[in-house]
């Protein structure tokens, strides 16, 4: 794969058994569902996957399982370097990259502390690139444990290395996205928006697609928008309005609410999480998800999607 596919890259959730173990049977069904929804790639071992609560061997096996299950139909990227020490991160990246994923996604807050300047970040990134030759990389502005947004200047440096192909942008700012698009112009580094509300306008600016939590609810609608917004602008505006409004469900406990929604989609998975007590998803929360599920079906029919 020379470049990342444009379109929708869901940030995958991880099904767990009541025992706390990863539910691989449920995960296999979930992967099939993503594929049926028309997604263009999968982002495994990310914050939605609860990677900060997985042992290294679990992160490795999770990446391996997703890559094997997809069987070449779409590309798979994964993160999973959650340690503070760079030496430990190198071990994590090597172990996960060996599973055959199409790119390893660096978490931007792992390369420097919140109070450290970009020069420190670049020095650490150079170390990783030198110690890990041959690995393709992506970038993820993960909000946990703190959000480190990349400046256009820093992103331009990343693009200049020729080693980075994917950025999950979490700035939620069209001005930031515009500046970043200019910074990577002419390179192989593609930008994917994680924010539903700004998606259509960011597509007009040239972003390559969507990679956000709402792709665990109705990825088919995001796939339609990323592929058809130019040809059907009026319908695209309606789809964008729907996606922006329904994304407010993200204020609920996540990923428990996504798992509840996926159960309504027929996924045989539980609500168990490691990052939170799934019982914080109240009856009212579930009722709101019920209505979201029904409304999405009505909207699809009304818009002939």
C-alpha atoms as a PDB file:
ATOM      1  CA  UNK A   1       0.000   0.000   0.000  1.00  0.00           C
ATOM      2  CA  UNK A   2       1.641   3.225  -1.173  1.00  0.00           C
ATOM      3  CA  UNK A   3      -0.789   5.618   0.511  1.00  0.00           C
ATOM      4  CA  UNK A   4      -3.680   5.572   2.943  1.00  0.00           C
ATOM      5  CA  UNK A   5      -7.125   5.049   1.454  1.00  0.00           C
ATOM      6  CA  UNK A   6      -9.432   8.069   1.569  1.00  0.00           C
ATOM      7  CA  UNK A   7     -12.717   7.639   3.424  1.00  0.00           C
ATOM      8  CA  UNK A   8     -13.769   6.333   6.843  1.00  0.00           C
ATOM      9  CA  UNK A   9     -11.420   4.739   9.376  1.00  0.00           C
ATOM     10  CA  UNK A  10     -13.383   3.707  12.493  1.00  0.00           C
ATOM     11  CA  UNK A  11     -11.653   3.927  15.849  1.00  0.00           C
ATOM     12  CA  UNK A  12     -12.447   0.389  16.897  1.00  0.00           C
ATOM     13  CA  UNK A  13     -13.940  -0.541  20.250  1.00  0.00           C
ATOM     14  CA  UNK A  14     -12.834  -3.707  22.044  1.00  0.00           C
ATOM     15  CA  UNK A  15     -15.503  -6.177  23.211  1.00  0.00           C
ATOM     16  CA  UNK A  16     -14.796  -7.747  26.604  1.00  0.00           C
ATOM     17  CA  UNK A  17     -16.219 -10.748  28.381  1.00  0.00           C
ATOM     18  CA  UNK A  18     -17.615 -10.414  31.899  1.00  0.00           C
ATOM     19  CA  UNK A  19     -14.327 -11.957  33.076  1.00  0.00           C
ATOM     20  CA  UNK A  20     -12.471  -8.968  31.627  1.00  0.00           C
ATOM     21  CA  UNK A  21     -10.823 -10.964  28.830  1.00  0.00           C
ATOM     22  CA  UNK A  22     -11.048  -9.739  25.236  1.00  0.00           C
ATOM     23  CA  UNK A  23     -14.048 -11.262  23.470  1.00  0.00           C
ATOM     24  CA  UNK A  24     -12.520 -12.330  20.163  1.00  0.00           C
ATOM     25  CA  UNK A  25     -15.702 -14.015  18.914  1.00  0.00           C
ATOM     26  CA  UNK A  26     -17.549 -10.733  19.387  1.00  0.00           C
ATOM     27  CA  UNK A  27     -14.656  -8.843  17.811  1.00  0.00           C
ATOM     28  CA  UNK A  28     -14.806 -11.046  14.722  1.00  0.00           C
ATOM     29  CA  UNK A  29     -18.493 -10.210  14.261  1.00  0.00           C
ATOM     30  CA  UNK A  30     -17.729  -6.528  14.843  1.00  0.00           C
ATOM     31  CA  UNK A  31     -15.041  -6.512  12.140  1.00  0.00           C
ATOM     32  CA  UNK A  32     -17.506  -8.066   9.700  1.00  0.00           C
ATOM     33  CA  UNK A  33     -20.011  -5.325  10.574  1.00  0.00           C
ATOM     34  CA  UNK A  34     -17.478  -2.569   9.889  1.00  0.00           C
ATOM     35  CA  UNK A  35     -16.733  -4.143   6.516  1.00  0.00           C
ATOM     36  CA  UNK A  36     -20.433  -4.419   5.680  1.00  0.00           C
ATOM     37  CA  UNK A  37     -20.814  -0.717   6.467  1.00  0.00           C
ATOM     38  CA  UNK A  38     -18.389   0.194   3.686  1.00  0.00           C
ATOM     39  CA  UNK A  39     -15.480   1.553   5.718  1.00  0.00           C
ATOM     40  CA  UNK A  40     -12.144   2.117   4.010  1.00  0.00           C
ATOM     41  CA  UNK A  41      -9.731   1.142   6.782  1.00  0.00           C
ATOM     42  CA  UNK A  42      -9.668   0.192  10.462  1.00  0.00           C
ATOM     43  CA  UNK A  43      -7.868   1.963  13.293  1.00  0.00           C
ATOM     44  CA  UNK A  44      -7.286  -0.727  15.923  1.00  0.00           C
ATOM     45  CA  UNK A  45      -5.587  -0.427  19.311  1.00  0.00           C
ATOM     46  CA  UNK A  46      -6.560   3.198  19.881  1.00  0.00           C
ATOM     47  CA  UNK A  47      -8.190   5.052  22.776  1.00  0.00           C
ATOM     48  CA  UNK A  48     -11.625   3.752  21.743  1.00  0.00           C
ATOM     49  CA  UNK A  49     -10.078   0.270  22.001  1.00  0.00           C
ATOM     50  CA  UNK A  50      -9.127   1.121  25.616  1.00  0.00           C
ATOM     51  CA  UNK A  51      -5.446   0.632  24.772  1.00  0.00           C
ATOM     52  CA  UNK A  52      -4.284   2.317  27.979  1.00  0.00           C
ATOM     53  CA  UNK A  53      -5.953  -0.524  29.886  1.00  0.00           C
ATOM     54  CA  UNK A  54      -4.531  -3.393  27.806  1.00  0.00           C
ATOM     55  CA  UNK A  55      -1.332  -5.306  28.525  1.00  0.00           C
ATOM     56  CA  UNK A  56       1.268  -5.258  25.759  1.00  0.00           C
ATOM     57  CA  UNK A  57       0.559  -8.847  24.781  1.00  0.00           C
ATOM     58  CA  UNK A  58      -3.139  -7.967  24.486  1.00  0.00           C
ATOM     59  CA  UNK A  59      -2.393  -4.926  22.298  1.00  0.00           C
ATOM     60  CA  UNK A  60      -0.213  -7.115  20.066  1.00  0.00           C
ATOM     61  CA  UNK A  61      -2.799  -9.878  19.775  1.00  0.00           C
ATOM     62  CA  UNK A  62      -5.580  -7.351  19.142  1.00  0.00           C
ATOM     63  CA  UNK A  63      -3.669  -5.837  16.212  1.00  0.00           C
ATOM     64  CA  UNK A  64      -2.785  -9.286  14.869  1.00  0.00           C
ATOM     65  CA  UNK A  65      -6.366 -10.525  15.099  1.00  0.00           C
ATOM     66  CA  UNK A  66      -7.838  -7.498  13.308  1.00  0.00           C
ATOM     67  CA  UNK A  67      -5.232  -7.646  10.536  1.00  0.00           C
ATOM     68  CA  UNK A  68      -5.763 -11.381  10.028  1.00  0.00           C
ATOM     69  CA  UNK A  69      -9.573 -11.119  10.095  1.00  0.00           C
ATOM     70  CA  UNK A  70      -9.641  -8.344   7.503  1.00  0.00           C
ATOM     71  CA  UNK A  71      -7.606 -10.634   5.222  1.00  0.00           C
ATOM     72  CA  UNK A  72      -6.363  -7.857   2.953  1.00  0.00           C
ATOM     73  CA  UNK A  73      -9.783  -6.422   2.104  1.00  0.00           C
ATOM     74  CA  UNK A  74      -8.975  -3.046   3.675  1.00  0.00           C
ATOM     75  CA  UNK A  75      -5.849  -1.703   5.413  1.00  0.00           C
ATOM     76  CA  UNK A  76      -5.404  -1.813   9.190  1.00  0.00           C
ATOM     77  CA  UNK A  77      -3.456   0.659  11.313  1.00  0.00           C
ATOM     78  CA  UNK A  78      -2.844   0.447  15.045  1.00  0.00           C
ATOM     79  CA  UNK A  79      -1.341   2.384  17.910  1.00  0.00           C
ATOM     80  CA  UNK A  80      -0.439   1.096  21.349  1.00  0.00           C
ATOM     81  CA  UNK A  81       2.759   2.786  22.591  1.00  0.00           C
ATOM     82  CA  UNK A  82       1.436   3.911  25.954  1.00  0.00           C
ATOM     83  CA  UNK A  83       4.635   3.924  28.040  1.00  0.00           C
ATOM     84  CA  UNK A  84       6.413   7.058  29.225  1.00  0.00           C
ATOM     85  CA  UNK A  85       9.984   5.890  28.559  1.00  0.00           C
ATOM     86  CA  UNK A  86      11.098   5.999  24.929  1.00  0.00           C
ATOM     87  CA  UNK A  87      12.922   2.675  25.301  1.00  0.00           C
ATOM     88  CA  UNK A  88       9.688   0.983  26.330  1.00  0.00           C
ATOM     89  CA  UNK A  89       7.812   2.635  23.486  1.00  0.00           C
ATOM     90  CA  UNK A  90      10.313   1.218  21.001  1.00  0.00           C
ATOM     91  CA  UNK A  91       9.591  -2.278  22.309  1.00  0.00           C
ATOM     92  CA  UNK A  92       5.837  -1.660  22.087  1.00  0.00           C
ATOM     93  CA  UNK A  93       6.028  -0.292  18.539  1.00  0.00           C
ATOM     94  CA  UNK A  94       8.277  -3.121  17.309  1.00  0.00           C
ATOM     95  CA  UNK A  95       6.009  -5.767  18.822  1.00  0.00           C
ATOM     96  CA  UNK A  96       2.812  -4.322  17.368  1.00  0.00           C
ATOM     97  CA  UNK A  97       4.327  -3.489  13.959  1.00  0.00           C
ATOM     98  CA  UNK A  98       5.450  -7.114  13.565  1.00  0.00           C
ATOM     99  CA  UNK A  99       1.785  -8.163  13.349  1.00  0.00           C
ATOM    100  CA  UNK A 100       1.758  -6.915   9.741  1.00  0.00           C
ATOM    101  CA  UNK A 101      -0.359  -3.792  10.218  1.00  0.00           C
ATOM    102  CA  UNK A 102      -0.142  -1.242   7.412  1.00  0.00           C
ATOM    103  CA  UNK A 103       1.130   1.562   9.660  1.00  0.00           C
ATOM    104  CA  UNK A 104       1.849   2.178  13.323  1.00  0.00           C
ATOM    105  CA  UNK A 105       0.153   5.301  14.686  1.00  0.00           C
ATOM    106  CA  UNK A 106       2.224   7.418  17.075  1.00  0.00           C
ATOM    107  CA  UNK A 107       0.282   9.104  19.864  1.00  0.00           C
ATOM    108  CA  UNK A 108       1.451  12.712  19.825  1.00  0.00           C
ATOM    109  CA  UNK A 109       1.371  13.141  23.610  1.00  0.00           C
ATOM    110  CA  UNK A 110       3.771  10.227  24.139  1.00  0.00           C
ATOM    111  CA  UNK A 111       6.747  12.018  22.559  1.00  0.00           C
ATOM    112  CA  UNK A 112       6.974  14.970  24.950  1.00  0.00           C
ATOM    113  CA  UNK A 113       5.479  16.149  28.221  1.00  0.00           C
ATOM    114  CA  UNK A 114       2.809  18.840  28.177  1.00  0.00           C
ATOM    115  CA  UNK A 115       5.296  21.535  29.223  1.00  0.00           C
ATOM    116  CA  UNK A 116       8.048  20.481  26.783  1.00  0.00           C
ATOM    117  CA  UNK A 117       8.580  22.319  23.473  1.00  0.00           C
ATOM    118  CA  UNK A 118       8.350  20.918  19.966  1.00  0.00           C
ATOM    119  CA  UNK A 119      12.140  20.595  19.785  1.00  0.00           C
ATOM    120  CA  UNK A 120      11.936  17.842  22.406  1.00  0.00           C
ATOM    121  CA  UNK A 121       9.125  16.200  20.454  1.00  0.00           C
ATOM    122  CA  UNK A 122      11.192  16.251  17.248  1.00  0.00           C
ATOM    123  CA  UNK A 123      14.248  14.828  19.005  1.00  0.00           C
ATOM    124  CA  UNK A 124      12.222  11.918  20.358  1.00  0.00           C
ATOM    125  CA  UNK A 125      10.483  11.365  17.021  1.00  0.00           C
ATOM    126  CA  UNK A 126      13.862  11.250  15.273  1.00  0.00           C
ATOM    127  CA  UNK A 127      15.025   8.618  17.745  1.00  0.00           C
ATOM    128  CA  UNK A 128      11.983   6.464  17.014  1.00  0.00           C
ATOM    129  CA  UNK A 129      12.417   6.842  13.260  1.00  0.00           C
ATOM    130  CA  UNK A 130      16.102   5.905  13.471  1.00  0.00           C
ATOM    131  CA  UNK A 131      15.546   2.942  15.796  1.00  0.00           C
ATOM    132  CA  UNK A 132      12.576   1.651  13.804  1.00  0.00           C
ATOM    133  CA  UNK A 133      13.525   1.671  10.113  1.00  0.00           C
ATOM    134  CA  UNK A 134      11.083   0.299   7.606  1.00  0.00           C
ATOM    135  CA  UNK A 135       7.977   1.008   9.676  1.00  0.00           C
ATOM    136  CA  UNK A 136       5.299   3.268   8.210  1.00  0.00           C
ATOM    137  CA  UNK A 137       3.828   5.694  10.716  1.00  0.00           C
ATOM    138  CA  UNK A 138       0.699   7.671  11.415  1.00  0.00           C
ATOM    139  CA  UNK A 139      -0.067  10.335  14.024  1.00  0.00           C
ATOM    140  CA  UNK A 140      -2.933  10.593  16.504  1.00  0.00           C
ATOM    141  CA  UNK A 141      -3.720  13.693  18.576  1.00  0.00           C
ATOM    142  CA  UNK A 142      -5.116  11.561  21.385  1.00  0.00           C
ATOM    143  CA  UNK A 143      -6.811  13.570  24.165  1.00  0.00           C
ATOM    144  CA  UNK A 144      -5.584  11.248  26.942  1.00  0.00           C
ATOM    145  CA  UNK A 145      -3.594  11.752  29.128  1.00  0.00           C
ATOM    146  CA  UNK A 146      -3.344  15.218  27.585  1.00  0.00           C
ATOM    147  CA  UNK A 147      -4.047  16.540  24.101  1.00  0.00           C
ATOM    148  CA  UNK A 148      -0.991  17.604  22.121  1.00  0.00           C
ATOM    149  CA  UNK A 149      -2.087  19.190  18.866  1.00  0.00           C
ATOM    150  CA  UNK A 150       0.555  19.380  16.173  1.00  0.00           C
ATOM    151  CA  UNK A 151       1.369  22.834  14.851  1.00  0.00           C
ATOM    152  CA  UNK A 152       1.486  23.257  11.063  1.00  0.00           C
ATOM    153  CA  UNK A 153       5.262  23.717  11.359  1.00  0.00           C
ATOM    154  CA  UNK A 154       5.702  20.482  13.288  1.00  0.00           C
ATOM    155  CA  UNK A 155       3.409  18.622  10.903  1.00  0.00           C
ATOM    156  CA  UNK A 156       5.439  19.948   7.964  1.00  0.00           C
ATOM    157  CA  UNK A 157       8.554  18.463   9.578  1.00  0.00           C
ATOM    158  CA  UNK A 158       6.765  15.118   9.944  1.00  0.00           C
ATOM    159  CA  UNK A 159       5.750  15.181   6.291  1.00  0.00           C
ATOM    160  CA  UNK A 160       9.310  16.024   5.230  1.00  0.00           C
ATOM    161  CA  UNK A 161      10.643  12.770   6.742  1.00  0.00           C
ATOM    162  CA  UNK A 162       8.646  10.674   4.273  1.00  0.00           C
ATOM    163  CA  UNK A 163       7.728   8.265   7.083  1.00  0.00           C
ATOM    164  CA  UNK A 164       4.276   9.555   8.060  1.00  0.00           C
ATOM    165  CA  UNK A 165       1.127   8.765   6.069  1.00  0.00           C
ATOM    166  CA  UNK A 166      -1.856   9.394   8.370  1.00  0.00           C
ATOM    167  CA  UNK A 167      -2.945  12.046  10.857  1.00  0.00           C
ATOM    168  CA  UNK A 168      -6.052  11.779  13.012  1.00  0.00           C
ATOM    169  CA  UNK A 169      -6.733  15.467  13.665  1.00  0.00           C
ATOM    170  CA  UNK A 170      -8.634  16.272  16.876  1.00  0.00           C
ATOM    171  CA  UNK A 171      -8.346  20.060  16.782  1.00  0.00           C
ATOM    172  CA  UNK A 172     -12.088  20.509  16.028  1.00  0.00           C
ATOM    173  CA  UNK A 173     -11.011  23.705  14.251  1.00  0.00           C
ATOM    174  CA  UNK A 174     -11.386  24.434  10.558  1.00  0.00           C
ATOM    175  CA  UNK A 175      -8.682  27.097  10.707  1.00  0.00           C
ATOM    176  CA  UNK A 176      -6.264  24.560  12.202  1.00  0.00           C
ATOM    177  CA  UNK A 177      -7.214  21.971   9.605  1.00  0.00           C
ATOM    178  CA  UNK A 178      -6.705  24.481   6.802  1.00  0.00           C
ATOM    179  CA  UNK A 179      -3.235  25.395   8.066  1.00  0.00           C
ATOM    180  CA  UNK A 180      -2.318  21.729   8.429  1.00  0.00           C
ATOM    181  CA  UNK A 181      -3.508  20.950   4.915  1.00  0.00           C
ATOM    182  CA  UNK A 182      -1.194  23.635   3.553  1.00  0.00           C
ATOM    183  CA  UNK A 183       1.674  22.259   5.651  1.00  0.00           C
ATOM    184  CA  UNK A 184       1.418  18.737   4.173  1.00  0.00           C
ATOM    185  CA  UNK A 185       0.704  19.808   0.601  1.00  0.00           C
ATOM    186  CA  UNK A 186       2.651  17.715  -1.884  1.00  0.00           C
ATOM    187  CA  UNK A 187       3.485  15.009   0.677  1.00  0.00           C
ATOM    188  CA  UNK A 188       2.043  11.544   1.270  1.00  0.00           C
ATOM    189  CA  UNK A 189       0.730  12.500   4.715  1.00  0.00           C
ATOM    190  CA  UNK A 190      -3.079  12.505   4.688  1.00  0.00           C
ATOM    191  CA  UNK A 191      -5.303  14.192   7.266  1.00  0.00           C
ATOM    192  CA  UNK A 192      -8.440  12.556   8.667  1.00  0.00           C
ATOM    193  CA  UNK A 193     -10.891  14.591  10.735  1.00  0.00           C
ATOM    194  CA  UNK A 194     -12.144  13.176  14.049  1.00  0.00           C
ATOM    195  CA  UNK A 195     -14.817  15.862  14.472  1.00  0.00           C
ATOM    196  CA  UNK A 196     -18.309  15.269  13.075  1.00  0.00           C
ATOM    197  CA  UNK A 197     -19.504  18.887  13.078  1.00  0.00           C
ATOM    198  CA  UNK A 198     -16.700  20.161  10.843  1.00  0.00           C
ATOM    199  CA  UNK A 199     -16.456  17.151   8.552  1.00  0.00           C
ATOM    200  CA  UNK A 200     -18.132  18.467   5.388  1.00  0.00           C
ATOM    201  CA  UNK A 201     -16.322  21.809   5.491  1.00  0.00           C
ATOM    202  CA  UNK A 202     -13.029  20.014   6.153  1.00  0.00           C
ATOM    203  CA  UNK A 203     -13.627  17.756   3.137  1.00  0.00           C
ATOM    204  CA  UNK A 204     -13.950  20.928   1.075  1.00  0.00           C
ATOM    205  CA  UNK A 205     -10.545  21.957   2.448  1.00  0.00           C
ATOM    206  CA  UNK A 206      -9.057  18.692   1.222  1.00  0.00           C
ATOM    207  CA  UNK A 207      -9.013  16.308   4.194  1.00  0.00           C
ATOM    208  CA  UNK A 208      -9.034  12.668   3.211  1.00  0.00           C
ATOM    209  CA  UNK A 209     -11.858  11.445   5.413  1.00  0.00           C
ATOM    210  CA  UNK A 210     -13.190  10.718   8.894  1.00  0.00           C
ATOM    211  CA  UNK A 211     -11.719   8.821  11.827  1.00  0.00           C
ATOM    212  CA  UNK A 212     -13.789   9.412  14.940  1.00  0.00           C
ATOM    213  CA  UNK A 213     -15.857   7.747  17.629  1.00  0.00           C
ATOM    214  CA  UNK A 214     -19.143   8.198  15.764  1.00  0.00           C
ATOM    215  CA  UNK A 215     -17.985   5.706  13.151  1.00  0.00           C
ATOM    216  CA  UNK A 216     -19.014   3.125  15.762  1.00  0.00           C
ATOM    217  CA  UNK A 217     -22.642   4.252  15.406  1.00  0.00           C
ATOM    218  CA  UNK A 218     -23.420   4.823  11.702  1.00  0.00           C
ATOM    219  CA  UNK A 219     -20.216   4.509   9.664  1.00  0.00           C
ATOM    220  CA  UNK A 220     -22.220   3.999   6.474  1.00  0.00           C
ATOM    221  CA  UNK A 221     -23.451   7.609   6.627  1.00  0.00           C
ATOM    222  CA  UNK A 222     -19.896   8.890   7.064  1.00  0.00           C
ATOM    223  CA  UNK A 223     -18.812   6.691   4.176  1.00  0.00           C
ATOM    224  CA  UNK A 224     -21.581   8.106   2.000  1.00  0.00           C
ATOM    225  CA  UNK A 225     -20.626  11.694   2.859  1.00  0.00           C
ATOM    226  CA  UNK A 226     -16.909  11.251   2.213  1.00  0.00           C
ATOM    227  CA  UNK A 227     -17.597   9.663  -1.173  1.00  0.00           C
ATOM    228  CA  UNK A 228     -20.544  11.724  -2.444  1.00  0.00           C
ATOM    229  CA  UNK A 229     -20.343  15.246  -1.062  1.00  0.00           C
ATOM    230  CA  UNK A 230     -19.131  16.705  -4.376  1.00  0.00           C
ATOM    231  CA  UNK A 231     -21.677  14.960  -6.613  1.00  0.00           C
ATOM    232  CA  UNK A 232     -24.721  15.550  -4.364  1.00  0.00           C
ATOM    233  CA  UNK A 233     -24.068  18.778  -2.422  1.00  0.00           C
ATOM    234  CA  UNK A 234     -27.641  19.351  -1.226  1.00  0.00           C
ATOM    235  CA  UNK A 235     -28.009  15.822   0.114  1.00  0.00           C
ATOM    236  CA  UNK A 236     -24.537  16.145   1.642  1.00  0.00           C
ATOM    237  CA  UNK A 237     -25.674  19.205   3.613  1.00  0.00           C
ATOM    238  CA  UNK A 238     -28.584  17.211   5.034  1.00  0.00           C
ATOM    239  CA  UNK A 239     -26.348  14.270   5.943  1.00  0.00           C
ATOM    240  CA  UNK A 240     -23.867  16.647   7.574  1.00  0.00           C
ATOM    241  CA  UNK A 241     -26.650  18.245   9.640  1.00  0.00           C
ATOM    242  CA  UNK A 242     -27.779  14.814  10.805  1.00  0.00           C
ATOM    243  CA  UNK A 243     -24.246  13.708  11.694  1.00  0.00           C
ATOM    244  CA  UNK A 244     -23.511  16.925  13.590  1.00  0.00           C
ATOM    245  CA  UNK A 245     -26.659  16.628  15.677  1.00  0.00           C
ATOM    246  CA  UNK A 246     -26.429  12.931  16.445  1.00  0.00           C
ATOM    247  CA  UNK A 247     -22.773  13.299  17.466  1.00  0.00           C
ATOM    248  CA  UNK A 248     -24.049  14.947  20.659  1.00  0.00           C
ATOM    249  CA  UNK A 249     -24.541  11.379  21.915  1.00  0.00           C
ATOM    250  CA  UNK A 250     -20.778  11.491  22.468  1.00  0.00           C
ATOM    251  CA  UNK A 251     -21.368  13.307  25.755  1.00  0.00           C
ATOM    252  CA  UNK A 252     -22.551   9.987  27.196  1.00  0.00           C
ATOM    253  CA  UNK A 253     -20.183   7.450  28.799  1.00  0.00           C
ATOM    254  CA  UNK A 254     -18.081   6.132  25.911  1.00  0.00           C
ATOM    255  CA  UNK A 255     -17.294   3.466  24.744  1.00  0.00           C
ATOM    256  CA  UNK A 256     -20.096   1.849  26.770  1.00  0.00           C
ATOM    257  CA  UNK A 257     -22.735   3.717  24.756  1.00  0.00           C
ATOM    258  CA  UNK A 258     -21.153   2.603  21.475  1.00  0.00           C
ATOM    259  CA  UNK A 259     -21.194  -1.008  22.641  1.00  0.00           C
ATOM    260  CA  UNK A 260     -24.856  -0.659  23.594  1.00  0.00           C
ATOM    261  CA  UNK A 261     -25.616   0.737  20.136  1.00  0.00           C
ATOM    262  CA  UNK A 262     -23.645  -2.053  18.474  1.00  0.00           C
ATOM    263  CA  UNK A 263     -25.734  -4.582  20.371  1.00  0.00           C
ATOM    264  CA  UNK A 264     -28.808  -3.000  18.806  1.00  0.00           C
ATOM    265  CA  UNK A 265     -27.078  -3.551  15.454  1.00  0.00           C
ATOM    266  CA  UNK A 266     -26.997  -7.264  16.268  1.00  0.00           C
ATOM    267  CA  UNK A 267     -23.459  -7.520  17.625  1.00  0.00           C
ATOM    268  CA  UNK A 268     -23.224 -10.282  20.272  1.00  0.00           C
ATOM    269  CA  UNK A 269     -21.077  -8.203  22.625  1.00  0.00           C
ATOM    270  CA  UNK A 270     -21.415  -7.078  26.209  1.00  0.00           C
ATOM    271  CA  UNK A 271     -21.171  -3.584  27.626  1.00  0.00           C
ATOM    272  CA  UNK A 272     -18.142  -4.412  29.763  1.00  0.00           C
ATOM    273  CA  UNK A 273     -15.270  -1.930  29.625  1.00  0.00           C
ATOM    274  CA  UNK A 274     -11.933  -1.593  31.374  1.00  0.00           C
ATOM    275  CA  UNK A 275     -11.762   2.190  31.180  1.00  0.00           C
ATOM    276  CA  UNK A 276     -15.062   2.764  32.993  1.00  0.00           C
ATOM    277  CA  UNK A 277     -17.879   1.084  34.872  1.00  0.00           C
ATOM    278  CA  UNK A 278     -20.419   0.363  32.142  1.00  0.00           C
ATOM    279  CA  UNK A 279     -23.180   0.844  34.712  1.00  0.00           C
ATOM    280  CA  UNK A 280     -22.559   4.588  34.428  1.00  0.00           C
ATOM    281  CA  UNK A 281     -24.562   4.208  31.221  1.00  0.00           C
ATOM    282  CA  UNK A 282     -27.952   4.860  32.769  1.00  0.00           C
ATOM    283  CA  UNK A 283     -31.416   3.893  31.637  1.00  0.00           C
ATOM    284  CA  UNK A 284     -31.902   7.383  30.228  1.00  0.00           C
ATOM    285  CA  UNK A 285     -28.635   7.090  28.286  1.00  0.00           C
ATOM    286  CA  UNK A 286     -29.802   3.791  26.815  1.00  0.00           C
ATOM    287  CA  UNK A 287     -33.171   5.314  25.888  1.00  0.00           C
ATOM    288  CA  UNK A 288     -31.373   8.106  24.049  1.00  0.00           C
ATOM    289  CA  UNK A 289     -29.317   5.537  22.133  1.00  0.00           C
ATOM    290  CA  UNK A 290     -32.526   3.622  21.341  1.00  0.00           C
ATOM    291  CA  UNK A 291     -33.998   6.747  19.796  1.00  0.00           C
ATOM    292  CA  UNK A 292     -30.762   7.476  17.930  1.00  0.00           C
ATOM    293  CA  UNK A 293     -30.852   3.992  16.432  1.00  0.00           C
ATOM    294  CA  UNK A 294     -34.476   4.432  15.335  1.00  0.00           C
ATOM    295  CA  UNK A 295     -33.885   7.942  14.016  1.00  0.00           C
ATOM    296  CA  UNK A 296     -30.918   6.773  11.953  1.00  0.00           C
ATOM    297  CA  UNK A 297     -33.060   4.137  10.281  1.00  0.00           C
ATOM    298  CA  UNK A 298     -35.782   6.704   9.528  1.00  0.00           C
ATOM    299  CA  UNK A 299     -33.204   9.136   8.141  1.00  0.00           C
ATOM    300  CA  UNK A 300     -31.631   6.504   5.879  1.00  0.00           C
ATOM    301  CA  UNK A 301     -35.058   5.645   4.442  1.00  0.00           C
ATOM    302  CA  UNK A 302     -36.099   9.265   4.005  1.00  0.00           C
ATOM    303  CA  UNK A 303     -32.858  10.178   2.231  1.00  0.00           C
ATOM    304  CA  UNK A 304     -32.698   6.935   0.258  1.00  0.00           C
ATOM    305  CA  UNK A 305     -29.268   6.106   1.668  1.00  0.00           C
END
